[in-house]
Amino acid sequence: MQIPVENIYFLLCYAWDKLEEKDRVNVSTDGQQDLLELLSRVLINGSRILLKRGLEHDYVAVTEENVGVKGKLEVSKSVKQNSFQRLRAVCSYDEYSADILHNQILYTTLFKLLYAADLDESIKDSIRKVLRRFPRIQILDLSPIVFDQIKIHRNNRFYEFLLNVCQLIYENQLPNEKEGTWTFSDVTRNEKKMATLFEKFVLNFYKVEHSEWDVSGEYIYWSFDTHDDANLEFLPRMETDITLRKSDEKIIIDTKYYQETMQSSYDTDKVKSGNLYQLYSYLMHQEDGTKRNFRTKGILLYPTISEEYDLEYRYKNHPIEIRTINLNQHWEGIKERLSSIV
């Protein structure tokens, strides 16, 4: 599924809930054809903002050999390194430094972009200029564990947007034939990652653009009877992708992402049966006797880049709809389509 780069960027910003930061970074997406180039520009502009206002600093433990004593004298280390004989001493102290995790991840990602085989040299020149403005920052060996260590708070939340971009770039690096270089994989070809992205995008879109609804996921309990409550522990947990609630209305949206929206059966397009079973199960088991839940609407929402579907059915009091959203159109069209669905 070939989605325009501009629209992938909007999906990411909604999914990360970083629309304000997107506007601050202010990267033009007009005519952009390459996602890595766009993400690189985001990091360049974002880094410039950070450098202008001042990088985040924190106290970092430092142990090093000095002339004289600074902080805590490390006697055993000084003796082991023969520091005293050279009129020096190994000391430990806390230094207020920019060489901390957030800056290290950002600096490392910018540095590694210089070795991206498919990145334009003009972008790399801009990266080099930005890197020269950084103070001394350690280059990390990036890994999932490193990104798990990130801690965001009110004073450094602008970093979160840039670090999300860094993680996306890291997760989609592929070794290149030329030693020491790498290529950026096509994000849209990974159905599992795109399914998660699409779900979070739709969830946050309705949270941001339609505040008249209470929007969240929802746990649904099986309406089964049993002679032993311990048996219920063996039932799988049901959780909706998106549930929209008002005082007298409720909509369950189950998002799906496939390269092909429909499945073909005897040369005829069909809705995937497993998707319908899942939505049907949500609708049946969420009934609790209230009027709102008795007539809950269920929607299966698929992305597409070609043909749109608007299929409507009804089971008892529950409207059931099959909707698609064309991600190959202008962004305003995507917003209008999503808004019309609810």
Protein backbone atom coordinates (compact mmCIF):
# COMPACT_ATOMS: atom_id res chain seq x y z
CA MET A 1 0.00 0.00 0.00
CA GLN A 2 1.72 3.17 -1.23
CA ILE A 3 0.70 6.02 1.08
CA PRO A 4 1.97 9.55 0.33
CA VAL A 5 4.81 10.62 2.62
CA GLU A 6 2.87 13.67 3.79
CA ASN A 7 0.03 11.47 5.02
CA ILE A 8 2.36 9.03 6.79
CA TYR A 9 3.80 12.02 8.65
CA PHE A 10 0.32 13.17 9.73
CA LEU A 11 -0.53 9.63 10.84
CA LEU A 12 2.62 9.52 12.96
CA CYS A 13 1.98 12.92 14.56
CA TYR A 14 -1.58 12.00 15.52
CA ALA A 15 -0.54 8.53 16.72
CA TRP A 16 2.19 10.05 18.89
CA ASP A 17 -0.18 12.85 20.01
CA LYS A 18 2.41 15.43 18.94
CA LEU A 19 0.49 17.89 16.76
CA GLU A 20 1.73 20.92 18.71
CA GLU A 21 5.35 19.81 18.37
CA LYS A 22 4.82 19.13 14.64
CA ASP A 23 3.77 22.75 14.17
CA ARG A 24 6.76 24.02 16.14
CA VAL A 25 9.24 22.04 14.07
CA ASN A 26 7.49 23.43 10.96
CA VAL A 27 8.75 21.13 8.21
CA SER A 28 7.15 21.53 4.79
CA THR A 29 5.65 18.31 3.45
CA ASP A 30 4.61 19.69 0.05
CA GLY A 31 5.83 17.44 -2.74
CA GLN A 32 7.87 15.35 -0.32
CA GLN A 33 8.59 11.92 -1.81
CA ASP A 34 11.01 10.38 0.67
CA LEU A 35 10.05 9.63 4.29
CA LEU A 36 13.64 9.43 5.56
CA GLU A 37 14.37 12.87 4.10
CA LEU A 38 11.29 14.27 5.81
CA LEU A 39 12.21 12.69 9.16
CA SER A 40 15.78 13.99 8.80
CA ARG A 41 14.47 17.53 8.27
CA VAL A 42 12.32 17.14 11.39
CA LEU A 43 15.42 16.22 13.43
CA ILE A 44 17.46 19.05 11.90
CA ASN A 45 14.83 21.71 12.63
CA GLY A 46 14.03 20.23 16.03
CA SER A 47 17.71 20.20 16.99
CA ARG A 48 18.06 23.83 15.96
CA ILE A 49 15.18 24.73 18.27
CA LEU A 50 16.78 22.82 21.16
CA LEU A 51 20.21 24.35 20.56
CA LYS A 52 18.73 27.86 20.42
CA ARG A 53 16.81 27.53 23.69
CA GLY A 54 19.46 25.35 25.35
CA LEU A 55 19.85 21.58 25.51
CA GLU A 56 18.61 19.79 28.59
CA HIS A 57 21.32 19.35 31.23
CA ASP A 58 21.54 17.12 34.28
CA TYR A 59 24.14 16.04 36.81
CA VAL A 60 26.29 13.20 35.54
CA ALA A 61 28.70 11.15 37.66
CA VAL A 62 32.26 11.60 36.41
CA THR A 63 35.38 9.71 37.49
CA GLU A 64 38.63 10.95 36.00
CA GLU A 65 42.24 11.78 36.72
CA ASN A 66 42.93 15.43 37.58
CA VAL A 67 45.69 17.71 38.69
CA GLY A 68 44.74 18.23 42.33
CA VAL A 69 41.61 17.00 44.08
CA LYS A 70 38.12 17.65 42.78
CA GLY A 71 35.13 16.09 44.52
CA LYS A 72 35.73 12.69 46.15
CA LEU A 73 39.29 11.37 46.13
CA GLU A 74 39.42 7.78 44.82
CA VAL A 75 42.48 6.55 46.72
CA SER A 76 42.52 2.93 45.53
CA LYS A 77 42.09 3.92 41.88
CA SER A 78 44.75 6.60 42.20
CA VAL A 79 47.22 4.07 43.65
CA LYS A 80 46.35 1.49 41.00
CA GLN A 81 46.98 4.01 38.21
CA ASN A 82 50.12 5.45 39.86
CA SER A 83 48.44 8.86 39.79
CA PHE A 84 50.10 10.15 42.98
CA GLN A 85 53.57 9.54 41.54
CA ARG A 86 52.63 11.86 38.67
CA LEU A 87 51.26 14.47 41.07
CA ARG A 88 47.71 13.68 39.94
CA ALA A 89 44.66 12.05 41.54
CA VAL A 90 41.59 10.08 40.42
CA CYS A 91 38.46 11.85 41.64
CA SER A 92 34.70 11.35 41.39
CA TYR A 93 32.27 14.24 41.19
CA ASP A 94 28.95 15.27 39.68
CA GLU A 95 29.14 17.46 36.58
CA TYR A 96 26.23 19.47 35.19
CA SER A 97 26.33 18.28 31.61
CA ALA A 98 24.40 18.04 28.35
CA ASP A 99 25.88 14.58 27.81
CA ILE A 100 22.69 12.81 28.94
CA LEU A 101 20.50 10.14 27.37
CA HIS A 102 18.05 12.36 25.43
CA ASN A 103 20.85 14.32 23.77
CA GLN A 104 22.92 11.19 23.20
CA ILE A 105 20.07 9.48 21.30
CA LEU A 106 19.41 12.60 19.21
CA TYR A 107 23.10 13.18 18.48
CA THR A 108 23.70 9.51 17.65
CA THR A 109 20.75 9.38 15.26
CA LEU A 110 21.89 12.52 13.45
CA PHE A 111 25.41 11.09 13.21
CA LYS A 112 24.14 7.78 11.80
CA LEU A 113 22.06 9.60 9.19
CA LEU A 114 25.36 10.64 7.60
CA TYR A 115 25.78 6.97 6.63
CA ALA A 116 22.30 6.51 5.14
CA ALA A 117 22.87 5.39 1.57
CA ASP A 118 19.62 6.84 0.24
CA LEU A 119 19.80 10.28 1.89
CA ASP A 120 20.58 13.31 -0.27
CA GLU A 121 23.97 14.98 0.28
CA SER A 122 22.36 18.39 0.81
CA ILE A 123 20.51 16.95 3.82
CA LYS A 124 23.74 15.44 5.13
CA ASP A 125 25.46 18.84 4.83
CA SER A 126 22.70 20.37 6.98
CA ILE A 127 23.16 17.56 9.52
CA ARG A 128 26.92 18.20 9.72
CA LYS A 129 26.29 21.90 10.42
CA VAL A 130 23.89 21.02 13.24
CA LEU A 131 26.24 18.42 14.73
CA ARG A 132 29.05 20.99 14.95
CA ARG A 133 26.85 23.13 17.21
CA PHE A 134 26.43 20.36 19.81
CA PRO A 135 28.72 20.24 22.86
CA ARG A 136 30.67 17.05 23.53
CA ILE A 137 28.07 14.26 23.38
CA GLN A 138 28.70 10.52 23.61
CA ILE A 139 27.65 8.37 20.65
CA LEU A 140 25.59 5.40 21.80
CA ASP A 141 25.09 1.88 20.55
CA LEU A 142 21.34 2.23 20.08
CA SER A 143 19.04 -0.63 21.08
CA PRO A 144 15.43 -1.11 22.23
CA ILE A 145 16.69 -1.08 25.83
CA VAL A 146 18.17 2.40 25.31
CA PHE A 147 14.83 3.78 24.10
CA ASP A 148 13.03 2.10 27.02
CA GLN A 149 15.18 4.16 29.40
CA ILE A 150 13.80 7.48 28.14
CA LYS A 151 12.00 9.49 30.82
CA ILE A 152 9.82 12.39 29.70
CA HIS A 153 8.47 15.07 32.02
CA ARG A 154 6.89 18.48 31.66
CA ASN A 155 10.16 20.35 31.17
CA ASN A 156 11.54 18.14 28.40
CA ARG A 157 8.41 16.97 26.60
CA PHE A 158 9.51 18.58 23.30
CA TYR A 159 12.22 15.93 23.19
CA GLU A 160 9.58 13.18 23.05
CA PHE A 161 8.56 14.06 19.49
CA LEU A 162 12.17 14.05 18.27
CA LEU A 163 12.99 10.84 20.14
CA ASN A 164 9.94 9.17 18.59
CA VAL A 165 11.40 10.09 15.20
CA CYS A 166 14.80 8.73 16.28
CA GLN A 167 13.24 5.42 17.32
CA LEU A 168 11.31 5.13 14.05
CA ILE A 169 14.52 5.64 12.08
CA TYR A 170 16.38 3.11 14.26
CA GLU A 171 13.67 0.46 13.91
CA ASN A 172 13.66 0.70 10.12
CA GLN A 173 17.39 0.58 9.37
CA LEU A 174 18.56 -2.18 7.06
CA PRO A 175 22.22 -3.02 6.32
CA ASN A 176 23.35 -1.91 2.89
CA GLU A 177 25.62 -3.69 0.42
CA LYS A 178 28.20 -0.95 0.85
CA GLU A 179 29.96 -1.58 4.14
CA GLY A 180 29.24 0.97 6.85
CA THR A 181 26.05 2.28 5.25
CA TRP A 182 22.38 1.45 5.65
CA THR A 183 19.05 1.95 3.93
CA PHE A 184 15.66 2.94 5.32
CA SER A 185 12.98 0.27 4.89
CA ASP A 186 9.49 1.03 3.58
CA VAL A 187 7.43 1.44 6.75
CA THR A 188 4.15 0.78 4.97
CA ARG A 189 5.17 -2.76 3.99
CA ASN A 190 5.18 -3.90 7.61
CA GLU A 191 1.52 -4.75 8.21
CA LYS A 192 1.96 -5.32 11.94
CA LYS A 193 3.59 -1.92 12.55
CA MET A 194 1.17 -0.13 10.26
CA ALA A 195 -1.82 -1.77 11.96
CA THR A 196 -0.64 -0.39 15.32
CA LEU A 197 0.05 3.02 13.78
CA PHE A 198 -3.34 3.16 12.05
CA GLU A 199 -5.18 2.21 15.26
CA LYS A 200 -3.40 4.85 17.35
CA PHE A 201 -3.91 7.44 14.62
CA VAL A 202 -7.68 6.90 14.49
CA LEU A 203 -7.95 6.82 18.29
CA ASN A 204 -6.10 10.12 18.76
CA PHE A 205 -7.78 11.72 15.76
CA TYR A 206 -11.17 11.35 17.42
CA LYS A 207 -9.76 12.46 20.77
CA VAL A 208 -8.34 15.65 19.24
CA GLU A 209 -10.90 16.50 16.57
CA HIS A 210 -14.10 15.30 18.24
CA SER A 211 -14.01 16.23 21.90
CA GLU A 212 -17.81 15.83 22.08
CA TRP A 213 -17.11 12.08 22.38
CA ASP A 214 -15.39 10.24 25.22
CA VAL A 215 -12.79 8.24 23.29
CA SER A 216 -10.78 5.28 24.61
CA GLY A 217 -10.31 1.54 24.36
CA GLU A 218 -12.74 -0.61 26.32
CA TYR A 219 -12.48 -3.92 28.16
CA ILE A 220 -15.47 -6.15 27.50
CA TYR A 221 -16.28 -9.09 29.75
CA TRP A 222 -17.67 -12.33 28.41
CA SER A 223 -21.36 -12.73 29.26
CA PHE A 224 -20.89 -16.41 30.06
CA ASP A 225 -22.27 -18.27 33.06
CA THR A 226 -20.19 -20.88 34.88
CA HIS A 227 -20.55 -23.03 38.00
CA ASP A 228 -17.02 -22.03 39.05
CA ASP A 229 -15.82 -18.43 38.75
CA ALA A 230 -12.24 -19.72 38.48
CA ASN A 231 -13.12 -20.92 34.97
CA LEU A 232 -13.48 -17.30 33.84
CA GLU A 233 -9.74 -16.79 34.25
CA PHE A 234 -9.16 -18.99 31.19
CA LEU A 235 -11.18 -16.76 28.87
CA PRO A 236 -9.18 -14.39 26.64
CA ARG A 237 -9.54 -10.69 27.33
CA MET A 238 -11.62 -8.64 24.91
CA GLU A 239 -10.48 -5.08 24.34
CA THR A 240 -11.82 -2.78 21.65
CA ASP A 241 -9.49 -0.67 19.53
CA ILE A 242 -11.67 2.40 19.92
CA THR A 243 -14.91 3.07 21.77
CA LEU A 244 -16.68 6.42 21.43
CA ARG A 245 -19.28 7.27 24.08
CA LYS A 246 -21.88 9.96 24.64
CA SER A 247 -24.64 9.95 27.20
CA ASP A 248 -27.02 8.10 24.89
CA GLU A 249 -24.76 6.86 22.07
CA LYS A 250 -21.93 4.39 21.72
CA ILE A 251 -19.77 3.37 18.76
CA ILE A 252 -17.20 0.58 18.69
CA ILE A 253 -14.60 0.97 15.92
CA ASP A 254 -12.35 -1.94 15.07
CA THR A 255 -9.46 -0.83 12.85
CA LYS A 256 -7.72 -3.20 10.45
CA TYR A 257 -4.73 -2.74 8.18
CA TYR A 258 -4.03 -4.98 5.20
CA GLN A 259 -2.28 -4.49 1.89
CA GLU A 260 -5.56 -5.62 0.33
CA THR A 261 -8.75 -4.34 1.99
CA MET A 262 -10.98 -7.24 0.95
CA GLN A 263 -10.32 -10.91 0.42
CA SER A 264 -11.16 -12.48 -2.91
CA SER A 265 -13.51 -15.47 -3.06
CA TYR A 266 -14.43 -16.85 -6.48
CA ASP A 267 -13.49 -13.51 -8.10
CA THR A 268 -15.74 -11.62 -5.69
CA ASP A 269 -14.55 -9.24 -2.98
CA LYS A 270 -15.58 -10.28 0.51
CA VAL A 271 -15.13 -8.79 3.97
CA LYS A 272 -12.71 -10.90 6.01
CA SER A 273 -14.93 -13.18 8.10
CA GLY A 274 -12.68 -13.12 11.18
CA ASN A 275 -13.05 -9.33 11.36
CA LEU A 276 -16.83 -9.59 11.36
CA TYR A 277 -16.82 -12.33 14.01
CA GLN A 278 -14.69 -10.14 16.26
CA LEU A 279 -16.91 -7.07 15.90
CA TYR A 280 -20.04 -9.19 16.39
CA SER A 281 -18.56 -10.62 19.61
CA TYR A 282 -17.86 -7.12 20.94
CA LEU A 283 -21.42 -6.00 20.26
CA MET A 284 -23.05 -9.04 21.82
CA HIS A 285 -20.98 -9.20 25.00
CA GLN A 286 -21.01 -5.45 25.76
CA GLU A 287 -24.78 -5.47 26.21
CA ASP A 288 -25.57 -4.79 29.86
CA GLY A 289 -29.25 -3.91 29.82
CA THR A 290 -28.74 -0.17 29.27
CA LYS A 291 -30.39 1.54 26.34
CA ARG A 292 -27.06 2.89 25.05
CA ASN A 293 -25.33 -0.50 24.94
CA PHE A 294 -28.46 -2.17 23.55
CA ARG A 295 -28.08 -0.21 20.30
CA THR A 296 -24.30 0.26 20.06
CA LYS A 297 -23.03 0.79 16.53
CA GLY A 298 -20.13 -1.33 15.30
CA ILE A 299 -17.74 -0.15 12.58
CA LEU A 300 -14.98 -2.04 10.79
CA LEU A 301 -12.56 0.60 9.47
CA TYR A 302 -9.99 -0.23 6.80
CA PRO A 303 -7.43 2.00 5.08
CA THR A 304 -7.33 1.89 1.30
CA ILE A 305 -5.55 3.72 -1.51
CA SER A 306 -8.11 3.04 -4.23
CA GLU A 307 -11.71 1.89 -3.94
CA GLU A 308 -13.87 3.12 -1.06
CA TYR A 309 -16.50 0.94 0.63
CA ASP A 310 -19.59 2.07 2.56
CA LEU A 311 -21.46 -1.07 3.56
CA GLU A 312 -24.30 -0.93 6.08
CA TYR A 313 -26.04 -3.80 7.86
CA ARG A 314 -28.06 -4.33 11.02
CA TYR A 315 -28.18 -7.10 13.60
CA LYS A 316 -31.17 -6.66 15.90
CA ASN A 317 -30.72 -3.11 17.28
CA HIS A 318 -27.05 -2.81 16.33
CA PRO A 319 -26.07 -0.95 13.14
CA ILE A 320 -22.98 -2.59 11.62
CA GLU A 321 -20.90 -0.67 9.06
CA ILE A 322 -17.89 -1.48 6.89
CA ARG A 323 -16.00 1.73 6.10
CA THR A 324 -12.76 2.54 4.35
CA ILE A 325 -10.58 5.63 4.45
CA ASN A 326 -8.53 6.48 1.37
CA LEU A 327 -5.02 7.38 2.55
CA ASN A 328 -3.98 8.37 -0.98
CA GLN A 329 -5.91 11.64 -0.95
CA HIS A 330 -5.20 15.13 0.38
CA TRP A 331 -5.03 15.29 4.15
CA GLU A 332 -8.15 17.46 4.40
CA GLY A 333 -10.10 14.74 2.61
CA ILE A 334 -8.93 12.19 5.18
CA LYS A 335 -10.10 14.41 8.03
CA GLU A 336 -13.50 14.95 6.41
CA ARG A 337 -13.95 11.23 5.79
CA LEU A 338 -13.12 10.24 9.38
CA SER A 339 -15.39 12.96 10.73
CA SER A 340 -18.29 11.81 8.55
CA ILE A 341 -18.05 8.24 9.83
CA VAL A 342 -19.14 9.23 13.36
